Amino acid sequence: MYCRKAKLKLPMKSFLEEYKCGKARLLTMLEDSDDPVVKTVQPSLKTGRKWKVTEAVDEAKECLKMKEVICQTQTDRRGLGSTTAKWWSKTEGKEKRDMIIDEIKNKEDSTRVQKAVQQPQQGQ
């Protein structure tokens, strides 16, 4: 229902996805703050028992670093080099935050698709 990549999608966003992206955005803003006091304190963000924002942000960072190691691959018919890629090591500030948020959104989307594929009876 909230899938971004499917052919049939609704113009709605998942509340859970928006919550996770908001918490991740807040954590990355605190980590990248110009104020030295805020950078050293690192307040803990309460998110519950099942999902931890620090783990999700660290996982997204590692995934972005891995994508940079793997390099850009061709995924469609446009041809190699027709699109420009943002590299994790060359971005700063808001661009890095946006990349982390997009990675968390992609992960949520893939888990939603995976759950939908596991339920063939409801799909019929």
N, C-alpha and C. Protein backbone atom coordinates (compact mmCIF):
# COMPACT_ATOMS: atom_id res chain seq x y z
N MET A 1 0.81 -1.19 0.00
CA MET A 1 0.00 0.00 0.00
C MET A 1 0.86 1.27 0.00
N TYR A 2 1.96 1.24 0.74
CA TYR A 2 2.83 2.41 0.82
C TYR A 2 4.09 2.26 -0.02
N CYS A 3 4.14 1.26 -0.86
CA CYS A 3 5.34 0.95 -1.63
C CYS A 3 5.66 2.07 -2.62
N ARG A 4 6.94 2.42 -2.74
CA ARG A 4 7.36 3.48 -3.66
C ARG A 4 7.73 2.94 -5.03
N LYS A 5 8.08 1.66 -5.12
CA LYS A 5 8.60 1.12 -6.37
C LYS A 5 7.58 0.29 -7.15
N ALA A 6 6.46 -0.05 -6.55
CA ALA A 6 5.48 -0.90 -7.22
C ALA A 6 4.73 -0.13 -8.30
N LYS A 7 4.12 -0.85 -9.21
CA LYS A 7 3.37 -0.21 -10.28
C LYS A 7 2.08 0.42 -9.76
N LEU A 8 1.43 -0.25 -8.84
CA LEU A 8 0.19 0.24 -8.26
C LEU A 8 0.48 0.72 -6.85
N LYS A 9 0.55 2.02 -6.66
CA LYS A 9 0.87 2.57 -5.35
C LYS A 9 -0.11 3.66 -4.99
N LEU A 10 -0.33 3.82 -3.71
CA LEU A 10 -1.24 4.84 -3.23
C LEU A 10 -0.45 6.08 -2.82
N PRO A 11 -1.04 7.25 -2.95
CA PRO A 11 -0.31 8.48 -2.60
C PRO A 11 -0.30 8.76 -1.10
N MET A 12 0.03 7.76 -0.32
CA MET A 12 0.09 7.91 1.13
C MET A 12 1.46 7.49 1.63
N LYS A 13 1.80 7.95 2.81
CA LYS A 13 3.05 7.55 3.42
C LYS A 13 2.76 6.82 4.72
N SER A 14 3.59 5.90 5.04
CA SER A 14 3.43 5.13 6.27
C SER A 14 3.82 6.00 7.47
N PHE A 15 3.00 5.95 8.51
CA PHE A 15 3.31 6.71 9.72
C PHE A 15 4.58 6.18 10.38
N LEU A 16 4.74 4.87 10.36
CA LEU A 16 5.93 4.27 10.96
C LEU A 16 7.19 4.72 10.22
N GLU A 17 7.12 4.76 8.91
CA GLU A 17 8.27 5.21 8.12
C GLU A 17 8.61 6.67 8.41
N GLU A 18 7.58 7.51 8.51
CA GLU A 18 7.80 8.93 8.81
C GLU A 18 8.37 9.11 10.20
N TYR A 19 7.92 8.29 11.15
CA TYR A 19 8.45 8.34 12.51
C TYR A 19 9.94 7.98 12.53
N LYS A 20 10.28 6.89 11.84
CA LYS A 20 11.67 6.44 11.80
C LYS A 20 12.56 7.47 11.10
N CYS A 21 12.07 8.04 10.02
CA CYS A 21 12.86 9.05 9.31
C CYS A 21 13.03 10.31 10.16
N GLY A 22 12.02 10.68 10.89
CA GLY A 22 12.12 11.85 11.77
C GLY A 22 13.12 11.65 12.88
N LYS A 23 13.11 10.48 13.50
CA LYS A 23 14.08 10.18 14.56
C LYS A 23 15.50 10.12 14.00
N ALA A 24 15.65 9.52 12.84
CA ALA A 24 16.97 9.44 12.22
C ALA A 24 17.47 10.82 11.83
N ARG A 25 16.58 11.66 11.33
CA ARG A 25 16.96 13.03 10.96
C ARG A 25 17.42 13.80 12.20
N LEU A 26 16.69 13.64 13.31
CA LEU A 26 17.06 14.31 14.55
C LEU A 26 18.42 13.85 15.05
N LEU A 27 18.67 12.55 15.02
CA LEU A 27 19.96 12.02 15.48
C LEU A 27 21.11 12.53 14.61
N THR A 28 20.93 12.52 13.30
CA THR A 28 22.02 12.97 12.43
C THR A 28 22.25 14.47 12.56
N MET A 29 21.18 15.23 12.82
CA MET A 29 21.36 16.67 13.04
C MET A 29 22.13 16.93 14.33
N LEU A 30 21.87 16.13 15.36
CA LEU A 30 22.60 16.29 16.62
C LEU A 30 24.06 15.87 16.46
N GLU A 31 24.30 14.82 15.70
CA GLU A 31 25.67 14.36 15.48
C GLU A 31 26.49 15.36 14.67
N ASP A 32 25.87 16.01 13.70
CA ASP A 32 26.58 16.93 12.81
C ASP A 32 26.46 18.39 13.25
N SER A 33 26.08 18.62 14.48
CA SER A 33 25.89 19.99 14.97
C SER A 33 27.21 20.74 15.03
N ASP A 34 27.13 22.07 14.79
CA ASP A 34 28.32 22.92 14.88
C ASP A 34 28.67 23.24 16.32
N ASP A 35 27.71 23.12 17.22
CA ASP A 35 27.93 23.41 18.62
C ASP A 35 28.73 22.27 19.27
N PRO A 36 29.91 22.55 19.85
CA PRO A 36 30.72 21.48 20.42
C PRO A 36 30.07 20.81 21.63
N VAL A 37 29.22 21.53 22.37
CA VAL A 37 28.56 20.94 23.54
C VAL A 37 27.55 19.88 23.09
N VAL A 38 26.78 20.19 22.06
CA VAL A 38 25.79 19.24 21.56
C VAL A 38 26.48 18.02 20.97
N LYS A 39 27.60 18.23 20.30
CA LYS A 39 28.34 17.11 19.71
C LYS A 39 28.88 16.15 20.76
N THR A 40 29.37 16.69 21.88
CA THR A 40 29.97 15.83 22.89
C THR A 40 28.94 15.15 23.78
N VAL A 41 27.80 15.78 24.01
CA VAL A 41 26.80 15.21 24.92
C VAL A 41 26.12 14.00 24.31
N GLN A 42 25.71 14.09 23.05
CA GLN A 42 25.01 13.01 22.35
C GLN A 42 23.83 12.48 23.17
N PRO A 43 22.73 13.21 23.24
CA PRO A 43 21.57 12.75 24.01
C PRO A 43 20.99 11.47 23.41
N SER A 44 20.43 10.63 24.26
CA SER A 44 19.83 9.39 23.77
C SER A 44 18.40 9.66 23.34
N LEU A 45 18.02 9.10 22.22
CA LEU A 45 16.67 9.24 21.70
C LEU A 45 15.89 7.97 21.99
N LYS A 46 14.78 8.11 22.67
CA LYS A 46 13.98 6.94 23.03
C LYS A 46 13.06 6.58 21.87
N THR A 47 13.15 5.34 21.44
CA THR A 47 12.35 4.89 20.31
C THR A 47 11.55 3.63 20.62
N GLY A 48 11.78 2.97 21.70
CA GLY A 48 11.06 1.75 22.01
C GLY A 48 11.99 0.55 22.08
N ARG A 49 11.37 -0.63 22.13
CA ARG A 49 12.16 -1.85 22.29
C ARG A 49 12.55 -2.51 20.98
N LYS A 50 11.71 -2.39 19.96
CA LYS A 50 11.94 -3.15 18.72
C LYS A 50 12.87 -2.47 17.74
N TRP A 51 12.93 -1.16 17.76
CA TRP A 51 13.73 -0.42 16.79
C TRP A 51 14.58 0.61 17.50
N LYS A 52 15.85 0.63 17.22
CA LYS A 52 16.78 1.60 17.81
C LYS A 52 17.29 2.51 16.71
N VAL A 53 17.18 3.82 16.95
CA VAL A 53 17.56 4.79 15.93
C VAL A 53 19.06 4.77 15.67
N THR A 54 19.86 4.57 16.71
CA THR A 54 21.31 4.57 16.51
C THR A 54 21.74 3.39 15.64
N GLU A 55 21.12 2.24 15.86
CA GLU A 55 21.45 1.07 15.04
C GLU A 55 21.01 1.28 13.59
N ALA A 56 19.85 1.88 13.40
CA ALA A 56 19.36 2.10 12.04
C ALA A 56 20.23 3.09 11.28
N VAL A 57 20.66 4.15 11.95
CA VAL A 57 21.51 5.15 11.29
C VAL A 57 22.88 4.56 10.99
N ASP A 58 23.44 3.80 11.93
CA ASP A 58 24.74 3.16 11.68
C ASP A 58 24.65 2.16 10.52
N GLU A 59 23.55 1.43 10.47
CA GLU A 59 23.37 0.46 9.38
C GLU A 59 23.23 1.18 8.04
N ALA A 60 22.52 2.29 8.03
CA ALA A 60 22.37 3.06 6.79
C ALA A 60 23.71 3.64 6.34
N LYS A 61 24.51 4.12 7.28
CA LYS A 61 25.84 4.65 6.93
C LYS A 61 26.71 3.56 6.34
N GLU A 62 26.69 2.38 6.96
CA GLU A 62 27.50 1.27 6.45
C GLU A 62 27.03 0.83 5.07
N CYS A 63 25.74 0.85 4.85
CA CYS A 63 25.20 0.48 3.55
C CYS A 63 25.62 1.48 2.48
N LEU A 64 25.61 2.76 2.83
CA LEU A 64 26.04 3.79 1.87
C LEU A 64 27.53 3.68 1.57
N LYS A 65 28.32 3.36 2.58
CA LYS A 65 29.76 3.15 2.34
C LYS A 65 29.98 1.93 1.45
N MET A 66 29.19 0.88 1.66
CA MET A 66 29.32 -0.33 0.84
C MET A 66 28.91 -0.05 -0.59
N LYS A 67 27.88 0.76 -0.79
CA LYS A 67 27.47 1.12 -2.15
C LYS A 67 28.56 1.88 -2.86
N GLU A 68 29.32 2.67 -2.12
CA GLU A 68 30.42 3.40 -2.73
C GLU A 68 31.55 2.45 -3.14
N VAL A 69 31.78 1.41 -2.35
CA VAL A 69 32.81 0.42 -2.68
C VAL A 69 32.39 -0.38 -3.91
N ILE A 70 31.12 -0.74 -3.95
CA ILE A 70 30.61 -1.53 -5.07
C ILE A 70 30.58 -0.69 -6.35
N CYS A 71 30.41 0.61 -6.23
CA CYS A 71 30.30 1.56 -7.33
C CYS A 71 28.91 1.52 -7.94
N GLN A 72 28.71 2.38 -8.91
CA GLN A 72 27.41 2.50 -9.55
C GLN A 72 27.24 1.38 -10.56
N THR A 73 26.13 0.69 -10.47
CA THR A 73 25.84 -0.38 -11.41
C THR A 73 24.67 0.02 -12.29
N GLN A 74 24.59 -0.58 -13.44
CA GLN A 74 23.51 -0.29 -14.36
C GLN A 74 22.30 -1.10 -13.96
N THR A 75 21.15 -0.42 -13.77
CA THR A 75 19.94 -1.12 -13.35
C THR A 75 18.80 -0.99 -14.36
N ASP A 76 18.97 -0.20 -15.40
CA ASP A 76 17.91 -0.04 -16.38
C ASP A 76 18.52 0.04 -17.78
N ARG A 77 17.73 0.50 -18.74
CA ARG A 77 18.17 0.49 -20.13
C ARG A 77 18.81 1.80 -20.57
N ARG A 78 18.97 2.75 -19.68
CA ARG A 78 19.50 4.06 -20.08
C ARG A 78 20.97 4.02 -20.48
N GLY A 79 21.70 3.14 -19.93
CA GLY A 79 23.11 3.05 -20.29
C GLY A 79 24.01 3.49 -19.16
N LEU A 80 25.22 3.01 -19.19
CA LEU A 80 26.19 3.28 -18.14
C LEU A 80 26.67 4.72 -18.25
N GLY A 81 26.63 5.44 -17.14
CA GLY A 81 27.10 6.81 -17.11
C GLY A 81 26.04 7.85 -17.42
N SER A 82 24.81 7.43 -17.63
CA SER A 82 23.76 8.40 -17.97
C SER A 82 23.20 9.09 -16.73
N THR A 83 23.42 8.51 -15.56
CA THR A 83 22.97 9.14 -14.32
C THR A 83 24.19 9.45 -13.46
N THR A 84 24.04 10.47 -12.64
CA THR A 84 25.12 10.81 -11.73
C THR A 84 24.79 10.26 -10.35
N ALA A 85 25.80 9.79 -9.68
CA ALA A 85 25.63 9.21 -8.35
C ALA A 85 26.24 10.13 -7.30
N LYS A 86 25.59 10.17 -6.14
CA LYS A 86 26.17 10.90 -5.02
C LYS A 86 27.03 9.92 -4.24
N TRP A 87 28.24 10.32 -3.94
CA TRP A 87 29.14 9.46 -3.20
C TRP A 87 29.17 9.89 -1.75
N TRP A 88 29.18 8.91 -0.87
CA TRP A 88 29.15 9.15 0.58
C TRP A 88 30.36 9.95 1.03
N SER A 89 31.52 9.66 0.51
CA SER A 89 32.75 10.32 0.97
C SER A 89 32.86 11.77 0.47
N LYS A 90 32.11 12.12 -0.57
CA LYS A 90 32.24 13.46 -1.14
C LYS A 90 31.12 14.41 -0.72
N THR A 91 30.15 13.94 0.05
CA THR A 91 29.05 14.80 0.47
C THR A 91 29.27 15.29 1.89
N GLU A 92 28.59 16.36 2.22
CA GLU A 92 28.70 16.96 3.55
C GLU A 92 27.34 17.44 4.02
N GLY A 93 27.17 17.53 5.32
CA GLY A 93 26.02 18.18 5.93
C GLY A 93 24.68 17.61 5.55
N LYS A 94 23.83 18.46 5.00
CA LYS A 94 22.45 18.10 4.70
C LYS A 94 22.36 16.98 3.66
N GLU A 95 23.28 16.96 2.72
CA GLU A 95 23.27 15.90 1.71
C GLU A 95 23.49 14.53 2.35
N LYS A 96 24.39 14.46 3.33
CA LYS A 96 24.60 13.19 4.02
C LYS A 96 23.36 12.77 4.79
N ARG A 97 22.72 13.74 5.45
CA ARG A 97 21.48 13.43 6.18
C ARG A 97 20.42 12.91 5.23
N ASP A 98 20.29 13.57 4.08
CA ASP A 98 19.29 13.14 3.11
C ASP A 98 19.59 11.74 2.58
N MET A 99 20.87 11.44 2.38
CA MET A 99 21.24 10.11 1.91
C MET A 99 20.89 9.05 2.96
N ILE A 100 21.11 9.35 4.23
CA ILE A 100 20.78 8.42 5.31
C ILE A 100 19.28 8.21 5.37
N ILE A 101 18.51 9.29 5.26
CA ILE A 101 17.05 9.18 5.32
C ILE A 101 16.54 8.37 4.13
N ASP A 102 17.07 8.61 2.95
CA ASP A 102 16.66 7.84 1.77
C ASP A 102 16.98 6.37 1.92
N GLU A 103 18.11 6.07 2.52
CA GLU A 103 18.49 4.67 2.73
C GLU A 103 17.55 3.99 3.72
N ILE A 104 17.14 4.70 4.76
CA ILE A 104 16.19 4.15 5.73
C ILE A 104 14.84 3.93 5.05
N LYS A 105 14.42 4.87 4.19
CA LYS A 105 13.16 4.72 3.46
C LYS A 105 13.22 3.52 2.52
N ASN A 106 14.34 3.34 1.85
CA ASN A 106 14.49 2.19 0.95
C ASN A 106 14.44 0.88 1.71
N LYS A 107 15.04 0.85 2.90
CA LYS A 107 15.02 -0.36 3.71
C LYS A 107 13.60 -0.67 4.17
N GLU A 108 12.86 0.34 4.58
CA GLU A 108 11.47 0.14 4.98
C GLU A 108 10.63 -0.34 3.81
N ASP A 109 10.88 0.21 2.64
CA ASP A 109 10.15 -0.20 1.45
C ASP A 109 10.44 -1.65 1.10
N SER A 110 11.69 -2.05 1.20
CA SER A 110 12.03 -3.43 0.87
C SER A 110 11.45 -4.41 1.90
N THR A 111 11.39 -4.03 3.17
CA THR A 111 10.76 -4.92 4.16
C THR A 111 9.26 -5.01 3.92
N ARG A 112 8.64 -3.93 3.45
CA ARG A 112 7.21 -3.96 3.14
C ARG A 112 6.95 -4.89 1.96
N VAL A 113 7.77 -4.80 0.93
CA VAL A 113 7.62 -5.66 -0.23
C VAL A 113 7.86 -7.11 0.15
N GLN A 114 8.85 -7.36 0.99
CA GLN A 114 9.14 -8.71 1.44
C GLN A 114 7.96 -9.29 2.21
N LYS A 115 7.34 -8.51 3.04
CA LYS A 115 6.18 -8.97 3.80
C LYS A 115 5.00 -9.25 2.88
N ALA A 116 4.81 -8.42 1.86
CA ALA A 116 3.71 -8.62 0.92
C ALA A 116 3.91 -9.88 0.10
N VAL A 117 5.15 -10.17 -0.26
CA VAL A 117 5.44 -11.38 -1.05
C VAL A 117 5.19 -12.64 -0.23
N GLN A 118 5.38 -12.55 1.07
CA GLN A 118 5.16 -13.71 1.94
C GLN A 118 3.69 -13.99 2.22
N GLN A 119 2.80 -13.14 1.73
CA GLN A 119 1.38 -13.33 1.98
C GLN A 119 0.61 -13.50 0.66
N PRO A 120 0.79 -14.61 -0.03
CA PRO A 120 0.14 -14.76 -1.33
C PRO A 120 -1.38 -14.92 -1.24
N GLN A 121 -1.91 -15.48 -0.17
CA GLN A 121 -3.35 -15.66 -0.05
C GLN A 121 -4.09 -14.33 -0.03
N GLN A 122 -3.57 -13.36 0.71
CA GLN A 122 -4.21 -12.05 0.78
C GLN A 122 -4.13 -11.33 -0.56
N GLY A 123 -3.07 -11.58 -1.32
CA GLY A 123 -2.90 -10.93 -2.61
C GLY A 123 -3.88 -11.44 -3.66
N GLN A 124 -4.33 -12.68 -3.52
CA GLN A 124 -5.26 -13.23 -4.49
C GLN A 124 -6.64 -12.69 -4.24
